[in-house]
Protein backbone atom coordinates (compact mmCIF):
# COMPACT_ATOMS: atom_id res chain seq x y z
CA MET A 1 -21.58 -13.78 -9.97
CA GLY A 2 -21.17 -12.28 -14.04
CA ALA A 3 -21.23 -9.46 -15.71
CA ASP A 4 -21.51 -6.80 -12.35
CA PHE A 5 -18.05 -8.63 -11.05
CA ASP A 6 -16.43 -8.86 -14.54
CA GLU A 7 -17.39 -4.88 -14.65
CA PHE A 8 -15.80 -4.43 -11.46
CA VAL A 9 -12.68 -5.98 -12.02
CA ILE A 10 -12.51 -3.81 -15.09
CA GLY A 11 -13.45 -0.63 -13.71
CA ARG A 12 -11.47 -0.60 -10.27
CA SER A 13 -8.44 -2.96 -11.32
CA SER A 14 -6.51 0.05 -11.81
CA ALA A 15 -7.04 2.10 -8.29
CA LEU A 16 -6.58 -1.52 -6.36
CA LEU A 17 -3.27 -2.46 -8.22
CA ARG A 18 -2.46 1.28 -7.33
CA THR A 19 -3.28 0.37 -3.57
CA ALA A 20 -1.52 -2.78 -3.36
CA THR A 21 1.36 -1.24 -4.83
CA LEU A 22 1.48 1.09 -2.29
CA LEU A 23 0.88 -1.78 0.10
CA THR A 24 3.84 -3.64 -0.83
CA GLY A 25 6.13 -1.28 -2.21
CA ASP A 26 6.89 -3.19 -5.14
CA SER A 27 4.98 -3.54 -8.51
CA HIS A 28 5.22 -7.76 -8.88
CA ASP A 29 4.23 -8.17 -5.71
CA ALA A 30 0.71 -5.97 -5.78
CA GLU A 31 -0.30 -7.21 -9.23
CA ASP A 32 -0.08 -11.12 -7.34
CA LEU A 33 -2.04 -9.65 -4.29
CA VAL A 34 -4.31 -8.34 -6.65
CA GLN A 35 -5.15 -11.58 -8.03
CA THR A 36 -5.21 -13.67 -5.12
CA ALA A 37 -7.60 -10.60 -3.57
CA LEU A 38 -9.80 -10.59 -7.17
CA LEU A 39 -9.75 -14.20 -6.32
CA ARG A 40 -10.90 -14.11 -2.73
CA VAL A 41 -13.37 -11.44 -3.80
CA ALA A 42 -14.95 -13.82 -6.53
CA ARG A 43 -15.81 -16.78 -4.66
CA HIS A 44 -17.39 -14.46 -2.02
CA TRP A 45 -18.60 -12.17 -4.45
CA SER A 46 -22.45 -12.36 -2.84
CA ARG A 47 -20.86 -10.36 0.61
CA ALA A 48 -19.39 -7.98 -1.57
CA LEU A 49 -22.27 -6.60 -3.20
CA ASP A 50 -23.30 -4.26 -0.73
CA ASN A 51 -19.90 -2.36 -1.38
CA PRO A 52 -17.39 -4.97 -3.69
CA GLU A 53 -14.81 -1.59 -3.78
CA ALA A 54 -14.16 -1.49 0.46
CA TYR A 55 -14.52 -5.43 0.63
CA THR A 56 -11.71 -5.94 -1.74
CA ARG A 57 -9.70 -2.86 -0.43
CA ARG A 58 -9.99 -4.90 3.23
CA VAL A 59 -8.90 -7.97 1.36
CA LEU A 60 -6.09 -6.28 -0.05
CA VAL A 61 -4.83 -5.09 3.50
CA ASN A 62 -5.53 -8.23 4.89
CA LEU A 63 -3.30 -10.01 2.28
CA ALA A 64 -1.28 -7.56 2.29
CA HIS A 65 -0.50 -7.78 6.18
CA ASP A 66 -0.03 -11.66 6.06
CA ARG A 67 2.62 -11.61 3.59
CA SER A 68 4.53 -9.09 5.63
CA ARG A 69 4.22 -11.37 8.33
CA ARG A 70 5.55 -14.05 6.03
CA ARG A 71 8.49 -11.93 5.15
CA LYS A 72 9.72 -11.26 8.11
CA ARG A 73 9.89 -15.23 8.97
CA ARG A 74 12.09 -16.10 6.01
CA PRO A 75 15.23 -13.76 4.71
CA GLU A 76 14.42 -11.95 1.34
CA HIS A 77 16.11 -12.66 -1.73
CA LEU A 78 16.61 -9.47 -3.83
CA GLY A 79 17.69 -9.85 -7.65
CA PRO A 80 19.71 -7.56 -9.46
CA PRO A 81 17.42 -4.27 -10.08
CA PRO A 82 14.94 -4.15 -13.02
CA ASP A 83 15.92 -2.00 -16.06
CA ARG A 84 14.44 1.29 -16.86
CA VAL A 85 12.58 1.83 -19.88
CA ALA A 86 12.38 5.26 -19.90
CA PRO A 87 13.60 7.90 -17.34
CA ASP A 88 11.42 9.25 -14.85
CA ASP A 89 12.01 12.33 -13.54
CA TYR A 90 10.63 11.37 -10.16
CA ALA A 91 11.88 7.94 -9.63
CA GLU A 92 14.18 8.54 -6.88
CA ASP A 93 11.31 10.51 -4.46
CA ARG A 94 9.02 7.44 -5.98
CA ASP A 95 12.05 4.88 -4.48
CA ASP A 96 12.39 6.90 -1.26
CA LEU A 97 8.73 6.80 -0.40
CA LEU A 98 7.98 3.48 -0.96
CA ARG A 99 11.41 2.29 0.89
CA LEU A 100 9.90 4.55 4.04
CA LEU A 101 6.42 3.24 3.88
CA ARG A 102 7.85 -0.28 3.71
CA GLN A 103 9.87 0.61 6.90
CA LEU A 104 6.33 1.33 8.36
CA PRO A 105 4.37 -1.37 10.81
CA ASP A 106 1.66 -2.50 8.75
CA ARG A 107 -0.93 -0.98 10.42
CA GLN A 108 0.52 2.81 10.28
CA ARG A 109 0.92 2.00 6.27
CA ALA A 110 -1.95 0.64 5.98
CA THR A 111 -3.82 3.83 7.37
CA VAL A 112 -1.23 6.28 5.58
CA VAL A 113 -2.23 3.80 2.12
CA LEU A 114 -6.15 4.10 2.97
CA ARG A 115 -6.17 7.73 4.22
CA TYR A 116 -3.83 9.34 1.47
CA TRP A 117 -4.00 7.38 -1.43
CA GLU A 118 -6.99 6.41 -1.15
CA ASP A 119 -8.47 9.42 0.13
CA LEU A 120 -10.73 7.41 2.90
CA SER A 121 -12.46 9.30 5.63
CA VAL A 122 -10.60 8.08 9.28
CA ALA A 123 -14.43 6.36 9.89
CA GLU A 124 -13.85 4.54 6.83
CA THR A 125 -10.88 3.41 7.39
CA ALA A 126 -11.62 2.14 10.52
CA GLN A 127 -14.16 0.54 9.29
CA LEU A 128 -11.64 -1.13 7.18
CA LEU A 129 -9.05 -2.14 9.10
CA GLY A 130 -11.65 -3.57 12.19
CA CYS A 131 -10.45 -0.91 14.41
CA THR A 132 -11.73 2.53 16.52
CA GLU A 133 -10.99 5.87 14.75
CA GLY A 134 -8.53 6.89 17.46
CA THR A 135 -6.88 3.92 16.36
CA VAL A 136 -6.47 5.10 13.17
CA LYS A 137 -5.43 8.48 14.19
CA SER A 138 -2.79 7.54 16.20
CA ALA A 139 -1.54 5.29 13.76
CA THR A 140 -1.72 7.93 11.18
CA SER A 141 0.07 10.18 13.27
CA LYS A 142 3.00 8.04 14.10
CA ALA A 143 3.34 7.53 10.56
CA LEU A 144 3.59 11.04 9.60
CA THR A 145 5.71 11.79 12.04
CA HIS A 146 8.24 8.82 11.40
CA LEU A 147 7.63 9.79 7.18
CA ARG A 148 8.79 13.34 8.03
CA GLU A 149 11.92 12.56 9.72
CA ALA A 150 13.05 10.69 7.74
CA LEU A 151 12.48 12.62 4.99
CA ASN A 152 13.77 15.52 6.78
CA LEU A 153 17.07 13.01 7.79
CA SER A 154 17.48 12.22 3.86
CA LEU A 155 17.27 15.61 3.13
CA THR A 156 19.66 17.15 5.62
CA ASP A 157 21.70 14.55 4.45
CA SER A 158 21.67 14.76 0.21
CA ILE A 159 22.27 18.82 0.93
CA GLY A 160 25.14 18.15 2.96
CA ALA A 161 26.73 15.73 0.31
CA LYS A 162 26.48 18.83 -2.32
CA ASP A 163 27.62 21.30 0.11
CA ALA A 164 30.81 18.72 0.68
CA HIS A 165 31.68 18.64 -3.27
């Protein structure tokens, strides 16, 4: 391990955090996920040397899936919402998208995140998820259909609410 691992962490941690945030839907969970993933990758750095980013993404996806399964088994405790420091013009849209992503099944969410946010090919996504290219295409199609329908309903609801005023 050593300097090459340190360089990898410094150079790719922001991108890994973005991926983890999209996979979990929560920035705090994402930070924990990245830290856990990097610890696991560090322990097996010799295996990751061929393609450390792909190896680390695979660890992130697996950890996110495991975390999701654990959370489904126990009730969720929600605290008060965090205070916003600065106004964010896209906060509501981002929150809606993250909420909709969280509603997708794990495999569909992972395919959307890897294909569209990480810009991986179908083949790369299939390899990373350990499934066939057809499964990636099918899961992505179902996820996008769900997101389009949900966003369309949301847009229709907000237009209807504006017309009622």
